[in-house]
Amino acid sequence: NIIIFLVDDLGYGDLGCYGNPIVKTPNIDRFATEGVRLTDCHSAATVCSPSRAALLTGRNPYRSGFYDILGSFNCYLQRREITLPEMLKPVGYSTCFVGKWHLSQINNNGKNAGENSQASPGEQGFDHWLATSLNAFEGPRNVKKFVRNGVPLGAVSGSYCDVIVQEACDWIGLQKKDQPFFLEICPHEPHTPIDPPEEYSEPYRNAKVDS
């Protein structure tokens, strides 16, 4: 199975496994101790959208034509681009995307059609998806623009991070044990505005953090 957590605006030194003395990241630290910790690995771009596109396509932003934030200079993920889930599906993988898409505009009815329209996650290789195409600035709670598999959900109560993780866990629970899967999880956090659930922020209300 392949799981990608693409975290928005996380700094190199924000994780315990890279030496942060305050922020606790035990699950990521465990991945680091059991796997590979990269110390000289660079993003394909300095901003969100083109770096996300490069991760899914393996293509330099200037080769794909997606070299700036979604919408700027008519930048978006072109239908002709071949994505990682599109390559994995023919060899037996089930695929899922949850969270911040920000690679194309999902139409108001949640479905895109036609050669020249912008493709949804479902049209770029994902069997199941729960996504927003907006940037983080709507806020991390009670998001109104989630779309699941082409169907707008309206307002969804709860914090963005909890909603997408629950969706991912529910989807994993439905997978066949003998079929591999590819899952990409994209939270807005820790991108501003910073407004985490109390249970996550409360442990950091102390003198060490305040100083």
C-alpha atoms as a PDB file:
ATOM      1  CA  ASN A   1       0.000   0.000   0.000  1.00  0.00           C
ATOM      2  CA  ILE A   2       1.094   3.577  -0.662  1.00  0.00           C
ATOM      3  CA  ILE A   3      -0.038   6.467   1.546  1.00  0.00           C
ATOM      4  CA  ILE A   4       1.042  10.065   0.947  1.00  0.00           C
ATOM      5  CA  PHE A   5       0.458  12.754   3.580  1.00  0.00           C
ATOM      6  CA  LEU A   6       0.986  16.091   1.852  1.00  0.00           C
ATOM      7  CA  VAL A   7       1.056  18.687   4.622  1.00  0.00           C
ATOM      8  CA  ASP A   8       0.485  22.332   3.729  1.00  0.00           C
ATOM      9  CA  ASP A   9       3.270  24.774   4.731  1.00  0.00           C
ATOM     10  CA  LEU A  10       4.988  22.384   7.148  1.00  0.00           C
ATOM     11  CA  GLY A  11       8.586  23.469   7.710  1.00  0.00           C
ATOM     12  CA  TYR A  12      11.566  21.127   7.596  1.00  0.00           C
ATOM     13  CA  GLY A  13      12.254  21.653  11.295  1.00  0.00           C
ATOM     14  CA  ASP A  14       8.641  21.306  12.496  1.00  0.00           C
ATOM     15  CA  LEU A  15       8.867  17.553  13.127  1.00  0.00           C
ATOM     16  CA  GLY A  16      10.331  15.714  16.081  1.00  0.00           C
ATOM     17  CA  CYS A  17      12.303  13.383  13.817  1.00  0.00           C
ATOM     18  CA  TYR A  18      14.103  16.437  12.407  1.00  0.00           C
ATOM     19  CA  GLY A  19      14.934  17.829  15.813  1.00  0.00           C
ATOM     20  CA  ASN A  20      12.001  20.014  16.873  1.00  0.00           C
ATOM     21  CA  PRO A  21      12.190  20.253  20.694  1.00  0.00           C
ATOM     22  CA  ILE A  22       8.556  21.298  21.243  1.00  0.00           C
ATOM     23  CA  VAL A  23       6.185  19.881  18.618  1.00  0.00           C
ATOM     24  CA  LYS A  24       5.255  16.240  19.259  1.00  0.00           C
ATOM     25  CA  THR A  25       4.910  14.112  16.124  1.00  0.00           C
ATOM     26  CA  PRO A  26       5.197  10.522  17.421  1.00  0.00           C
ATOM     27  CA  ASN A  27       3.496   8.781  14.496  1.00  0.00           C
ATOM     28  CA  ILE A  28       5.583  10.562  11.875  1.00  0.00           C
ATOM     29  CA  ASP A  29       8.675   9.933  14.004  1.00  0.00           C
ATOM     30  CA  ARG A  30       7.848   6.234  13.950  1.00  0.00           C
ATOM     31  CA  PHE A  31       7.660   6.293  10.144  1.00  0.00           C
ATOM     32  CA  ALA A  32      11.098   7.922  10.163  1.00  0.00           C
ATOM     33  CA  THR A  33      12.664   5.276  12.408  1.00  0.00           C
ATOM     34  CA  GLU A  34      11.156   2.362  10.446  1.00  0.00           C
ATOM     35  CA  GLY A  35      11.679   3.786   6.965  1.00  0.00           C
ATOM     36  CA  VAL A  36      13.722   6.420   5.174  1.00  0.00           C
ATOM     37  CA  ARG A  37      14.285   9.964   6.441  1.00  0.00           C
ATOM     38  CA  LEU A  38      15.194  12.297   3.598  1.00  0.00           C
ATOM     39  CA  THR A  39      17.630  15.080   4.456  1.00  0.00           C
ATOM     40  CA  ASP A  40      18.269  16.628   1.030  1.00  0.00           C
ATOM     41  CA  CYS A  41      14.962  16.314  -0.830  1.00  0.00           C
ATOM     42  CA  HIS A  42      13.432  19.382  -2.462  1.00  0.00           C
ATOM     43  CA  SER A  43       9.965  20.397  -3.589  1.00  0.00           C
ATOM     44  CA  ALA A  44       9.457  21.021  -7.300  1.00  0.00           C
ATOM     45  CA  ALA A  45       8.104  24.516  -6.578  1.00  0.00           C
ATOM     46  CA  THR A  46       7.946  27.108  -3.814  1.00  0.00           C
ATOM     47  CA  VAL A  47       4.146  27.293  -3.755  1.00  0.00           C
ATOM     48  CA  CYS A  48       1.272  24.888  -3.299  1.00  0.00           C
ATOM     49  CA  SER A  49      -0.337  23.984  -6.615  1.00  0.00           C
ATOM     50  CA  PRO A  50       2.671  23.296  -8.879  1.00  0.00           C
ATOM     51  CA  SER A  51       4.448  21.303  -6.181  1.00  0.00           C
ATOM     52  CA  ARG A  52       1.313  19.144  -5.754  1.00  0.00           C
ATOM     53  CA  ALA A  53       1.053  18.636  -9.503  1.00  0.00           C
ATOM     54  CA  ALA A  54       4.708  17.647  -9.753  1.00  0.00           C
ATOM     55  CA  LEU A  55       4.285  15.095  -6.973  1.00  0.00           C
ATOM     56  CA  LEU A  56       1.380  13.437  -8.808  1.00  0.00           C
ATOM     57  CA  THR A  57       2.891  13.580 -12.300  1.00  0.00           C
ATOM     58  CA  GLY A  58       6.647  13.446 -11.747  1.00  0.00           C
ATOM     59  CA  ARG A  59       6.911  16.360 -14.173  1.00  0.00           C
ATOM     60  CA  ASN A  60       8.770  19.631 -13.774  1.00  0.00           C
ATOM     61  CA  PRO A  61       6.242  22.501 -13.428  1.00  0.00           C
ATOM     62  CA  TYR A  62       7.467  24.168 -16.616  1.00  0.00           C
ATOM     63  CA  ARG A  63       7.063  20.956 -18.591  1.00  0.00           C
ATOM     64  CA  SER A  64       3.471  20.495 -17.424  1.00  0.00           C
ATOM     65  CA  GLY A  65       2.655  24.198 -17.769  1.00  0.00           C
ATOM     66  CA  PHE A  66       1.577  24.297 -14.123  1.00  0.00           C
ATOM     67  CA  TYR A  67       4.138  26.669 -12.614  1.00  0.00           C
ATOM     68  CA  ASP A  68       2.063  28.958 -10.369  1.00  0.00           C
ATOM     69  CA  ILE A  69      -0.912  28.878  -7.995  1.00  0.00           C
ATOM     70  CA  LEU A  70      -4.121  27.423  -9.437  1.00  0.00           C
ATOM     71  CA  GLY A  71      -5.814  30.043 -11.630  1.00  0.00           C
ATOM     72  CA  SER A  72      -2.790  32.301 -12.083  1.00  0.00           C
ATOM     73  CA  PHE A  73      -1.744  32.546 -15.734  1.00  0.00           C
ATOM     74  CA  ASN A  74      -4.425  29.925 -16.477  1.00  0.00           C
ATOM     75  CA  CYS A  75      -2.466  27.303 -14.540  1.00  0.00           C
ATOM     76  CA  TYR A  76      -4.204  24.034 -13.685  1.00  0.00           C
ATOM     77  CA  LEU A  77      -3.518  20.301 -14.026  1.00  0.00           C
ATOM     78  CA  GLN A  78      -4.072  19.447 -17.688  1.00  0.00           C
ATOM     79  CA  ARG A  79      -6.119  16.366 -18.541  1.00  0.00           C
ATOM     80  CA  ARG A  80      -3.305  15.064 -20.737  1.00  0.00           C
ATOM     81  CA  GLU A  81      -0.997  14.697 -17.722  1.00  0.00           C
ATOM     82  CA  ILE A  82      -0.599  11.129 -16.474  1.00  0.00           C
ATOM     83  CA  THR A  83      -0.855  10.886 -12.699  1.00  0.00           C
ATOM     84  CA  LEU A  84       0.470   8.331 -10.251  1.00  0.00           C
ATOM     85  CA  PRO A  85      -2.973   6.838  -9.505  1.00  0.00           C
ATOM     86  CA  GLU A  86      -3.613   6.538 -13.254  1.00  0.00           C
ATOM     87  CA  MET A  87      -0.472   4.418 -13.495  1.00  0.00           C
ATOM     88  CA  LEU A  88      -1.292   2.319 -10.433  1.00  0.00           C
ATOM     89  CA  LYS A  89      -4.894   1.423 -11.292  1.00  0.00           C
ATOM     90  CA  PRO A  90      -4.011  -0.790 -14.301  1.00  0.00           C
ATOM     91  CA  VAL A  91      -1.772  -2.917 -12.065  1.00  0.00           C
ATOM     92  CA  GLY A  92      -4.518  -3.551  -9.511  1.00  0.00           C
ATOM     93  CA  TYR A  93      -4.477  -0.651  -7.055  1.00  0.00           C
ATOM     94  CA  SER A  94      -7.598   1.003  -5.692  1.00  0.00           C
ATOM     95  CA  THR A  95      -7.105   4.734  -5.256  1.00  0.00           C
ATOM     96  CA  CYS A  96      -8.402   7.489  -2.995  1.00  0.00           C
ATOM     97  CA  PHE A  97      -7.847  11.216  -2.501  1.00  0.00           C
ATOM     98  CA  VAL A  98      -9.020  13.237   0.502  1.00  0.00           C
ATOM     99  CA  GLY A  99      -8.454  16.906   1.310  1.00  0.00           C
ATOM    100  CA  LYS A 100      -7.084  19.953  -0.443  1.00  0.00           C
ATOM    101  CA  TRP A 101      -6.995  19.325  -4.206  1.00  0.00           C
ATOM    102  CA  HIS A 102      -6.095  22.809  -5.491  1.00  0.00           C
ATOM    103  CA  LEU A 103      -5.056  21.425  -8.882  1.00  0.00           C
ATOM    104  CA  SER A 104      -8.248  22.323 -10.757  1.00  0.00           C
ATOM    105  CA  GLN A 105     -11.544  24.056 -10.143  1.00  0.00           C
ATOM    106  CA  ILE A 106     -14.306  21.574  -9.396  1.00  0.00           C
ATOM    107  CA  ASN A 107     -17.458  22.936 -11.059  1.00  0.00           C
ATOM    108  CA  ASN A 108     -20.432  24.008  -8.951  1.00  0.00           C
ATOM    109  CA  ASN A 109     -22.270  20.786  -9.671  1.00  0.00           C
ATOM    110  CA  GLY A 110     -19.191  18.830  -8.662  1.00  0.00           C
ATOM    111  CA  LYS A 111     -18.728  17.254 -12.065  1.00  0.00           C
ATOM    112  CA  ASN A 112     -16.550  18.354 -14.932  1.00  0.00           C
ATOM    113  CA  ALA A 113     -17.050  17.346 -18.528  1.00  0.00           C
ATOM    114  CA  GLY A 114     -15.491  17.998 -21.881  1.00  0.00           C
ATOM    115  CA  GLU A 115     -11.985  18.056 -23.201  1.00  0.00           C
ATOM    116  CA  ASN A 116     -11.283  21.658 -22.268  1.00  0.00           C
ATOM    117  CA  SER A 117     -12.748  21.605 -18.773  1.00  0.00           C
ATOM    118  CA  GLN A 118     -10.659  21.171 -15.649  1.00  0.00           C
ATOM    119  CA  ALA A 119     -10.560  17.605 -14.385  1.00  0.00           C
ATOM    120  CA  SER A 120     -11.747  16.472 -10.976  1.00  0.00           C
ATOM    121  CA  PRO A 121      -9.726  13.998  -8.858  1.00  0.00           C
ATOM    122  CA  GLY A 122     -11.980  11.236 -10.204  1.00  0.00           C
ATOM    123  CA  GLU A 123     -10.941  12.115 -13.726  1.00  0.00           C
ATOM    124  CA  GLN A 124      -7.265  12.038 -12.767  1.00  0.00           C
ATOM    125  CA  GLY A 125      -7.235   8.462 -11.516  1.00  0.00           C
ATOM    126  CA  PHE A 126      -8.876   8.438  -8.085  1.00  0.00           C
ATOM    127  CA  ASP A 127     -11.659   5.871  -7.534  1.00  0.00           C
ATOM    128  CA  HIS A 128     -12.939   7.652  -4.431  1.00  0.00           C
ATOM    129  CA  TRP A 129     -12.440  11.273  -3.440  1.00  0.00           C
ATOM    130  CA  LEU A 130     -13.536  13.878  -0.936  1.00  0.00           C
ATOM    131  CA  ALA A 131     -12.001  17.196  -1.878  1.00  0.00           C
ATOM    132  CA  THR A 132     -12.058  20.966  -1.865  1.00  0.00           C
ATOM    133  CA  SER A 133     -10.482  22.948  -4.665  1.00  0.00           C
ATOM    134  CA  LEU A 134     -10.153  26.134  -2.608  1.00  0.00           C
ATOM    135  CA  ASN A 135      -7.115  27.438  -0.787  1.00  0.00           C
ATOM    136  CA  ALA A 136      -6.972  27.306   3.015  1.00  0.00           C
ATOM    137  CA  PHE A 137      -8.344  30.754   3.695  1.00  0.00           C
ATOM    138  CA  GLU A 138     -11.988  29.737   4.049  1.00  0.00           C
ATOM    139  CA  GLY A 139     -10.908  28.395   7.409  1.00  0.00           C
ATOM    140  CA  PRO A 140     -10.237  24.989   8.937  1.00  0.00           C
ATOM    141  CA  ARG A 141     -13.676  24.433  10.506  1.00  0.00           C
ATOM    142  CA  ASN A 142     -17.139  23.685   9.119  1.00  0.00           C
ATOM    143  CA  VAL A 143     -16.043  23.891   5.490  1.00  0.00           C
ATOM    144  CA  LYS A 144     -18.881  24.526   3.011  1.00  0.00           C
ATOM    145  CA  LYS A 145     -17.303  23.385  -0.259  1.00  0.00           C
ATOM    146  CA  PHE A 146     -16.493  19.690   0.123  1.00  0.00           C
ATOM    147  CA  VAL A 147     -17.323  17.538  -2.900  1.00  0.00           C
ATOM    148  CA  ARG A 148     -17.429  13.745  -2.678  1.00  0.00           C
ATOM    149  CA  ASN A 149     -17.182  11.786  -5.918  1.00  0.00           C
ATOM    150  CA  GLY A 150     -18.766  14.646  -7.859  1.00  0.00           C
ATOM    151  CA  VAL A 151     -21.543  15.430  -5.357  1.00  0.00           C
ATOM    152  CA  PRO A 152     -21.383  18.731  -3.386  1.00  0.00           C
ATOM    153  CA  LEU A 153     -21.929  18.104   0.329  1.00  0.00           C
ATOM    154  CA  GLY A 154     -22.684  21.645   1.473  1.00  0.00           C
ATOM    155  CA  ALA A 155     -21.492  22.577   4.950  1.00  0.00           C
ATOM    156  CA  VAL A 156     -19.621  19.780   6.737  1.00  0.00           C
ATOM    157  CA  SER A 157     -19.324  20.176  10.497  1.00  0.00           C
ATOM    158  CA  GLY A 158     -16.021  19.604  12.243  1.00  0.00           C
ATOM    159  CA  SER A 159     -12.399  20.478  11.670  1.00  0.00           C
ATOM    160  CA  TYR A 160     -10.951  19.957   8.202  1.00  0.00           C
ATOM    161  CA  CYS A 161      -8.196  17.659   9.446  1.00  0.00           C
ATOM    162  CA  ASP A 162     -10.631  15.406  11.328  1.00  0.00           C
ATOM    163  CA  VAL A 163     -13.139  15.235   8.458  1.00  0.00           C
ATOM    164  CA  ILE A 164     -10.615  14.066   5.877  1.00  0.00           C
ATOM    165  CA  VAL A 165      -8.846  11.611   8.184  1.00  0.00           C
ATOM    166  CA  GLN A 166     -12.186  10.010   9.086  1.00  0.00           C
ATOM    167  CA  GLU A 167     -13.032   9.733   5.378  1.00  0.00           C
ATOM    168  CA  ALA A 168      -9.667   8.092   4.712  1.00  0.00           C
ATOM    169  CA  CYS A 169     -10.078   5.636   7.594  1.00  0.00           C
ATOM    170  CA  ASP A 170     -13.599   4.721   6.476  1.00  0.00           C
ATOM    171  CA  TRP A 171     -12.333   4.118   2.932  1.00  0.00           C
ATOM    172  CA  ILE A 172      -9.425   1.970   4.102  1.00  0.00           C
ATOM    173  CA  GLY A 173     -11.874  -0.111   6.131  1.00  0.00           C
ATOM    174  CA  LEU A 174     -13.751  -0.985   2.937  1.00  0.00           C
ATOM    175  CA  GLN A 175     -10.686  -2.207   1.022  1.00  0.00           C
ATOM    176  CA  LYS A 176     -10.073  -5.847   0.206  1.00  0.00           C
ATOM    177  CA  LYS A 177      -7.105  -7.281   2.064  1.00  0.00           C
ATOM    178  CA  ASP A 178      -5.646  -8.840  -1.072  1.00  0.00           C
ATOM    179  CA  GLN A 179      -5.804  -5.604  -3.128  1.00  0.00           C
ATOM    180  CA  PRO A 180      -3.175  -2.876  -2.700  1.00  0.00           C
ATOM    181  CA  PHE A 181      -4.257   0.744  -2.432  1.00  0.00           C
ATOM    182  CA  PHE A 182      -2.934   4.230  -3.061  1.00  0.00           C
ATOM    183  CA  LEU A 183      -4.157   6.974  -0.727  1.00  0.00           C
ATOM    184  CA  GLU A 184      -3.276  10.674  -0.755  1.00  0.00           C
ATOM    185  CA  ILE A 185      -4.274  12.770   2.275  1.00  0.00           C
ATOM    186  CA  CYS A 186      -3.926  16.559   2.004  1.00  0.00           C
ATOM    187  CA  PRO A 187      -4.846  18.645   5.055  1.00  0.00           C
ATOM    188  CA  HIS A 188      -4.812  22.441   5.051  1.00  0.00           C
ATOM    189  CA  GLU A 189      -2.968  22.449   8.362  1.00  0.00           C
ATOM    190  CA  PRO A 190      -0.631  24.007   9.422  1.00  0.00           C
ATOM    191  CA  HIS A 191      -1.337  26.620   6.713  1.00  0.00           C
ATOM    192  CA  THR A 192      -2.955  29.779   8.104  1.00  0.00           C
ATOM    193  CA  PRO A 193      -5.476  30.526   9.481  1.00  0.00           C
ATOM    194  CA  ILE A 194      -4.267  28.492  12.452  1.00  0.00           C
ATOM    195  CA  ASP A 195      -7.306  27.256  14.367  1.00  0.00           C
ATOM    196  CA  PRO A 196      -6.764  23.639  15.447  1.00  0.00           C
ATOM    197  CA  PRO A 197      -9.202  21.624  17.571  1.00  0.00           C
ATOM    198  CA  GLU A 198      -8.674  22.292  21.275  1.00  0.00           C
ATOM    199  CA  GLU A 199      -7.570  18.720  21.948  1.00  0.00           C
ATOM    200  CA  TYR A 200      -4.599  19.261  19.623  1.00  0.00           C
ATOM    201  CA  SER A 201      -3.614  22.746  20.764  1.00  0.00           C
ATOM    202  CA  GLU A 202      -4.138  22.417  24.530  1.00  0.00           C
ATOM    203  CA  PRO A 203      -0.897  20.455  25.185  1.00  0.00           C
ATOM    204  CA  TYR A 204       1.047  23.456  23.843  1.00  0.00           C
ATOM    205  CA  ARG A 205      -0.428  26.025  26.223  1.00  0.00           C
ATOM    206  CA  ASN A 206       2.585  26.208  28.496  1.00  0.00           C
ATOM    207  CA  ALA A 207       5.484  28.438  29.448  1.00  0.00           C
ATOM    208  CA  LYS A 208       7.940  26.668  27.140  1.00  0.00           C
ATOM    209  CA  VAL A 209       5.853  27.480  24.067  1.00  0.00           C
ATOM    210  CA  ASP A 210       5.028  31.022  25.210  1.00  0.00           C
ATOM    211  CA  SER A 211       8.699  31.816  25.656  1.00  0.00           C
END
